[in-house]
Protein backbone atom coordinates (compact mmCIF):
# COMPACT_ATOMS: atom_id res chain seq x y z
CA MET A 1 46.30 -73.20 63.02
CA ARG A 2 43.87 -72.90 65.83
CA LYS A 3 46.62 -73.38 68.39
CA ARG A 4 48.66 -70.59 66.85
CA ARG A 5 45.68 -68.25 66.86
CA PHE A 6 44.95 -69.17 70.41
CA LYS A 7 48.54 -68.39 71.44
CA THR A 8 48.46 -65.12 69.53
CA LYS A 9 45.27 -64.10 71.31
CA GLN A 10 46.77 -65.17 74.59
CA THR A 11 49.89 -63.11 73.97
CA LYS A 12 47.85 -60.03 73.02
CA ARG A 13 45.78 -60.47 76.12
CA LYS A 14 48.92 -60.52 78.28
CA ASN A 15 50.24 -57.43 76.56
CA ASN A 16 46.94 -55.73 77.22
CA TYR A 17 47.22 -56.62 80.89
CA TYR A 18 50.75 -55.16 80.98
CA LEU A 19 49.55 -51.96 79.33
CA ILE A 20 46.65 -51.70 81.74
CA LEU A 21 49.02 -52.33 84.62
CA LEU A 22 51.45 -49.73 83.25
CA PHE A 23 48.90 -46.94 82.75
CA ILE A 24 46.70 -47.58 85.75
CA ILE A 25 49.25 -48.40 88.45
CA ILE A 26 52.90 -47.84 87.55
CA ILE A 27 52.64 -44.49 85.73
CA PRO A 28 50.44 -42.82 88.41
CA ILE A 29 52.70 -44.03 91.19
CA THR A 30 55.76 -42.77 89.32
CA ALA A 31 54.06 -39.42 88.72
CA VAL A 32 53.22 -39.04 92.38
CA PHE A 33 56.78 -39.90 93.38
CA ILE A 34 58.29 -37.44 90.89
CA GLY A 35 55.84 -34.73 91.97
CA SER A 36 56.71 -35.18 95.61
CA ARG A 37 60.42 -34.89 94.90
CA ILE A 38 59.83 -31.69 92.91
CA THR A 39 57.77 -30.26 95.78
CA GLU A 40 60.43 -31.21 98.31
CA ARG A 41 63.24 -29.61 96.33
CA VAL A 42 61.46 -26.48 95.10
CA VAL A 43 58.54 -25.53 97.35
CA ILE A 44 59.61 -26.55 100.88
CA PRO A 45 62.97 -24.67 100.95
CA VAL A 46 61.19 -21.46 99.86
CA LEU A 47 58.67 -21.73 102.71
CA HIS A 48 61.26 -22.38 105.40
CA SER A 49 64.05 -19.97 104.49
CA ASN A 50 64.42 -16.16 104.48
CA PRO A 51 64.84 -14.48 101.13
CA THR A 52 68.40 -13.51 100.36
CA LEU A 53 69.16 -9.87 101.44
CA GLU A 54 71.23 -7.48 99.41
CA GLU A 55 74.45 -6.35 101.15
CA GLY A 56 73.24 -2.73 101.38
CA GLU A 57 69.97 -3.74 103.01
CA LEU A 58 71.80 -5.98 105.45
CA ASN A 59 74.21 -3.20 106.44
CA ALA A 60 71.30 -0.80 106.86
CA ILE A 61 69.58 -3.17 109.28
CA ILE A 62 72.81 -3.75 111.19
CA ASN A 63 73.44 0.01 111.40
CA VAL A 64 69.89 0.70 112.58
CA ASN A 65 70.25 -1.92 115.28
CA GLU A 66 73.59 -0.47 116.32
CA GLU A 67 72.13 3.07 116.38
CA GLU A 68 69.17 1.88 118.47
CA ASP A 69 71.51 0.13 120.89
CA LEU A 70 73.79 3.19 121.01
CA SER A 71 70.81 5.53 121.52
CA GLN A 72 69.47 3.35 124.31
CA GLU A 73 72.92 3.17 125.87
CA ASN A 74 73.32 6.97 125.64
CA THR A 75 69.88 7.48 127.22
CA GLU A 76 70.75 5.12 130.04
CA ASN A 77 74.13 6.82 130.51
CA HIS A 78 72.46 10.27 130.50
CA GLN A 79 69.92 9.15 133.09
CA GLU A 80 72.71 7.63 135.14
CA ASP A 81 74.73 10.87 134.89
CA GLU A 82 71.69 12.93 135.95
CA SER A 83 71.15 10.56 138.86
CA LYS A 84 74.80 10.90 139.85
CA ILE A 85 74.58 14.71 139.63
CA SER A 86 71.40 14.72 141.72
CA THR A 87 72.93 12.37 144.27
CA THR A 88 76.12 14.43 144.34
CA GLN A 89 74.17 17.62 144.93
CA GLU A 90 72.22 15.94 147.71
CA THR A 91 75.30 14.54 149.42
CA GLU A 92 77.80 17.34 148.78
CA LEU A 93 78.11 19.37 151.97
CA ILE A 94 78.49 23.14 152.07
CA THR A 95 79.92 24.71 155.23
CA ASN A 96 79.07 28.04 156.79
CA LYS A 97 79.74 29.75 160.12
CA LEU A 98 77.62 30.99 162.98
CA HIS A 99 78.80 34.00 164.96
CA PRO A 100 80.12 33.39 168.48
CA LEU A 101 77.79 34.17 171.36
CA SER A 102 78.72 34.64 175.01
CA MET A 103 76.52 35.43 177.96
CA TYR A 104 77.58 36.75 181.38
CA MET A 105 74.94 36.60 184.10
CA ILE A 106 74.82 37.28 187.80
CA GLN A 107 73.69 34.08 189.47
CA VAL A 108 71.93 34.52 192.82
CA ALA A 109 70.83 30.96 193.58
CA SER A 110 70.77 27.33 192.47
CA VAL A 111 67.94 25.14 193.72
CA SER A 112 66.88 21.58 193.06
CA ASP A 113 63.42 21.89 194.58
CA THR A 114 60.96 23.80 192.42
CA SER A 115 58.88 24.71 195.47
CA ASN A 116 61.45 27.42 196.35
CA ILE A 117 61.47 29.01 192.91
CA GLU A 118 58.23 30.96 193.27
CA ALA A 119 59.48 32.61 196.45
CA PHE A 120 62.68 33.70 194.68
CA VAL A 121 60.76 35.13 191.72
CA GLU A 122 58.43 37.07 193.99
CA GLU A 123 61.39 38.44 195.93
CA LEU A 124 63.19 39.56 192.76
CA ASN A 125 60.04 41.26 191.48
CA GLU A 126 59.69 43.17 194.74
CA LYS A 127 63.25 44.48 194.29
CA ASN A 128 62.57 45.35 190.63
CA LEU A 129 65.35 42.98 189.57
CA PRO A 130 65.22 41.09 186.26
CA HIS A 131 65.46 37.34 186.45
CA LEU A 132 65.75 34.17 184.43
CA ILE A 133 65.41 30.59 185.65
CA TYR A 134 67.38 28.04 183.66
CA LYS A 135 67.66 24.31 184.29
CA LEU A 136 71.25 23.13 184.11
CA ASP A 137 72.99 20.07 185.60
CA ASN A 138 69.78 18.87 187.30
CA ALA A 139 69.39 22.17 189.14
CA TYR A 140 67.49 25.39 188.55
CA LYS A 141 69.84 28.33 188.19
CA ILE A 142 68.37 31.73 189.07
CA TYR A 143 70.00 34.63 187.26
CA THR A 144 69.54 38.36 187.43
CA LEU A 145 71.00 40.83 184.96
CA GLY A 146 72.85 39.36 182.00
CA LEU A 147 74.70 40.85 179.04
CA THR A 148 77.00 39.67 176.25
CA ARG A 149 80.22 41.17 177.69
CA ARG A 150 81.69 40.63 181.11
CA SER A 151 82.71 44.27 181.56
CA LEU A 152 79.07 45.28 181.20
CA VAL A 153 78.06 42.99 184.07
CA GLU A 154 80.94 43.38 186.52
CA SER A 155 79.94 46.92 187.46
CA GLN A 156 76.57 45.65 188.71
CA LEU A 157 77.83 42.71 190.76
CA GLN A 158 78.38 44.69 193.97
CA LYS A 159 74.90 46.16 193.81
CA ILE A 160 73.36 42.71 193.51
CA ARG A 161 75.47 41.42 196.39
CA GLU A 162 73.76 43.92 198.63
CA TYR A 163 70.73 41.66 198.35
CA TYR A 164 72.45 38.35 197.68
CA PRO A 165 75.97 38.22 199.18
CA ASP A 166 76.82 34.94 197.45
CA ALA A 167 76.00 36.23 193.99
CA TYR A 168 78.67 35.69 191.31
CA ILE A 169 79.12 35.98 187.57
CA SER A 170 78.25 32.86 185.61
CA GLU A 171 79.41 32.49 182.01
CA ILE A 172 78.22 30.66 178.91
CA HIS A 173 80.40 30.71 175.79
CA LEU A 174 79.55 29.47 172.33
CA PRO A 175 82.51 30.04 169.99
CA SER A 176 82.14 30.60 166.28
CA LYS A 177 80.63 27.41 165.00
CA GLU A 178 80.85 25.65 161.66
CA VAL A 179 77.57 24.30 160.31
CA SER A 180 76.90 22.30 157.16
CA TYR A 181 74.07 21.56 154.76
CA THR A 182 73.63 19.79 151.44
CA LYS A 183 74.24 21.51 148.11
CA ASP A 184 70.60 21.25 147.05
CA MET A 185 69.51 23.21 150.17
CA GLU A 186 72.27 25.83 149.96
CA ALA A 187 70.09 28.85 149.14
CA GLU A 188 67.56 28.23 151.93
CA SER A 189 70.21 27.31 154.49
CA LYS A 190 72.32 30.41 153.80
CA ILE A 191 69.30 32.60 154.54
CA ILE A 192 68.63 30.82 157.85
CA ILE A 193 72.28 31.15 158.93
CA LYS A 194 72.29 34.81 157.92
CA GLU A 195 69.16 35.54 159.98
CA ILE A 196 70.46 33.71 163.06
CA ASN A 197 73.74 35.64 162.81
CA SER A 198 71.69 38.83 162.53
CA LEU A 199 69.88 37.88 165.74
CA ILE A 200 73.20 37.40 167.53
CA GLU A 201 74.38 40.81 166.30
CA ILE A 202 71.19 42.56 167.35
CA MET A 203 71.34 41.06 170.83
CA ASP A 204 74.90 42.29 171.23
CA LYS A 205 73.72 45.78 170.28
CA GLN A 206 70.88 45.48 172.78
CA ALA A 207 73.40 44.53 175.48
CA GLU A 208 75.35 47.71 174.75
CA GLU A 209 72.15 49.70 175.01
CA TRP A 210 71.38 48.12 178.39
CA TYR A 211 74.85 48.99 179.64
CA ASN A 212 74.39 52.64 178.59
CA PHE A 213 71.00 52.74 180.26
CA ILE A 214 72.25 51.27 183.56
CA GLU A 215 75.63 52.99 183.81
CA LYS A 216 75.00 56.30 182.13
CA GLU A 217 71.34 56.55 183.09
CA SER A 218 70.41 57.22 179.48
CA GLU A 219 67.08 56.52 177.82
CA LEU A 220 66.16 53.31 176.03
CA ASN A 221 65.08 55.14 172.89
CA GLN A 222 67.49 53.22 170.65
CA TYR A 223 66.41 49.97 172.31
CA LYS A 224 62.95 50.36 170.81
CA GLU A 225 64.46 50.56 167.32
CA LEU A 226 66.53 47.47 168.04
CA LEU A 227 63.41 45.57 169.14
CA ILE A 228 61.65 46.50 165.90
CA GLU A 229 64.69 45.31 163.94
CA GLN A 230 64.65 42.08 165.94
CA GLN A 231 60.99 41.58 165.02
CA GLU A 232 61.82 41.94 161.33
CA ILE A 233 64.63 39.38 161.58
CA ILE A 234 62.33 36.91 163.34
CA GLU A 235 59.67 37.38 160.66
CA GLN A 236 62.22 36.71 157.90
CA LEU A 237 63.47 33.65 159.74
CA ALA A 238 59.93 32.27 160.05
CA GLU A 239 59.18 32.85 156.36
CA ASN A 240 62.34 31.09 155.15
CA LEU A 241 62.18 28.10 157.48
CA LYS A 242 61.35 25.20 155.14
CA GLU A 243 59.77 21.91 156.15
CA ASP A 244 62.62 19.71 154.87
CA LEU A 245 65.45 22.00 155.97
CA VAL A 246 68.28 20.25 157.81
CA ILE A 247 71.38 22.13 158.97
CA GLU A 248 74.00 20.12 160.81
CA GLY A 249 75.18 22.08 163.84
CA ILE A 250 71.96 23.74 164.96
CA SER A 251 68.70 22.48 166.39
CA GLU A 252 66.08 20.85 164.21
CA LYS A 253 63.22 22.78 162.66
CA LYS A 254 60.72 22.41 165.52
CA GLU A 255 63.24 23.84 168.02
CA ILE A 256 63.89 26.83 165.76
CA GLU A 257 60.13 27.34 165.50
CA LYS A 258 59.89 27.32 169.29
CA MET A 259 62.60 29.99 169.50
CA ILE A 260 60.79 32.08 166.89
CA TYR A 261 57.51 31.82 168.80
CA HIS A 262 59.03 32.98 172.10
CA GLN A 263 61.08 35.76 170.55
CA GLU A 264 58.03 37.09 168.72
CA SER A 265 56.16 37.13 172.02
CA ASN A 266 59.08 38.69 173.91
CA THR A 267 59.66 41.54 171.46
CA LYS A 268 55.96 42.35 171.23
CA ARG A 269 55.61 42.42 175.02
CA ALA A 270 58.81 44.46 175.43
CA LEU A 271 57.55 47.14 173.04
CA GLU A 272 54.36 47.40 175.09
CA LEU A 273 56.26 47.63 178.40
CA LEU A 274 58.55 50.40 177.11
CA GLU A 275 55.69 52.81 177.57
CA ASN A 276 56.08 52.54 181.35
CA GLU A 277 59.48 53.01 183.01
CA ASP A 278 58.37 51.01 186.03
CA ASN A 279 58.52 47.89 183.86
CA ILE A 280 62.17 48.24 182.80
CA TYR A 281 63.29 45.22 184.83
CA ARG A 282 60.59 43.13 183.11
CA ILE A 283 61.92 44.19 179.71
CA HIS A 284 65.38 43.00 180.71
CA SER A 285 63.90 39.67 181.81
CA LEU A 286 62.42 39.32 178.32
CA TYR A 287 65.85 40.12 176.84
CA LEU A 288 67.41 37.35 178.94
CA ASP A 289 64.77 34.89 177.79
CA SER A 290 65.30 35.75 174.11
CA ILE A 291 69.06 35.39 174.28
CA PHE A 292 68.79 32.05 176.08
CA ARG A 293 66.36 30.83 173.41
CA THR A 294 69.02 31.66 170.83
CA LEU A 295 71.70 29.87 172.84
CA GLU A 296 69.52 26.77 173.03
CA THR A 297 69.06 26.76 169.27
CA ILE A 298 72.72 27.02 168.26
CA LYS A 299 74.51 25.27 171.12
């Protein structure tokens, strides 16, 4: 009886151990395992994936992206087109024409040594003969009397030969000349070309006036008006000469400025000298200087 009770107690004790083992160790471990699997399947995918988008929302985002890309592309294309237009305007060349200009002068000497020049100038002044000294082909050419048409000069050649038997008519010809400038500088360049052409025209009119004065012994009344007109042209030319102006076919800006400076001085001095007839030959010397300044600019 005691043995059976002892075995019964022993069996109950073992069962108690199993229960303790079940509730304290096995069940908690199982719970942890099950909980981790639930977390892995439910929580983790939600944290690491994007929520599902409706088709309309997805299309809207795609369309916005496409519109942004298209807008950016259009902006870039517009900027590129503007750049091309600007570059085209800068590189596109416009052509224009300068009037022809010819000069016929009576040459009395050609010297290589400058020490002889002063003596020639003094001699010409004593004879009341106009003069211009021009360096050409490594020599100094000494001219007296010069006009824009040969017929106007030929009649005076014999008179000059009375002083200088070897005198002859020397010629300089600049035909009508094509010049060019970029499209973006068209307005400014057209004005400059117009004013230079006006200078050429006024000097041709002045030559005619000189011929009438010498041959027909008329007065130089009209010449004064032509000098005033020349002054106005020079002033306009100076005002419109821009810093960045480049015209292919004529001198650069600083050379044009030099011409303007000398022509301003020449016309002002000529108007002063017109008051005294004894200075007529000096006025013609100033005319020769002005026309040669123009030749230098457009040659």
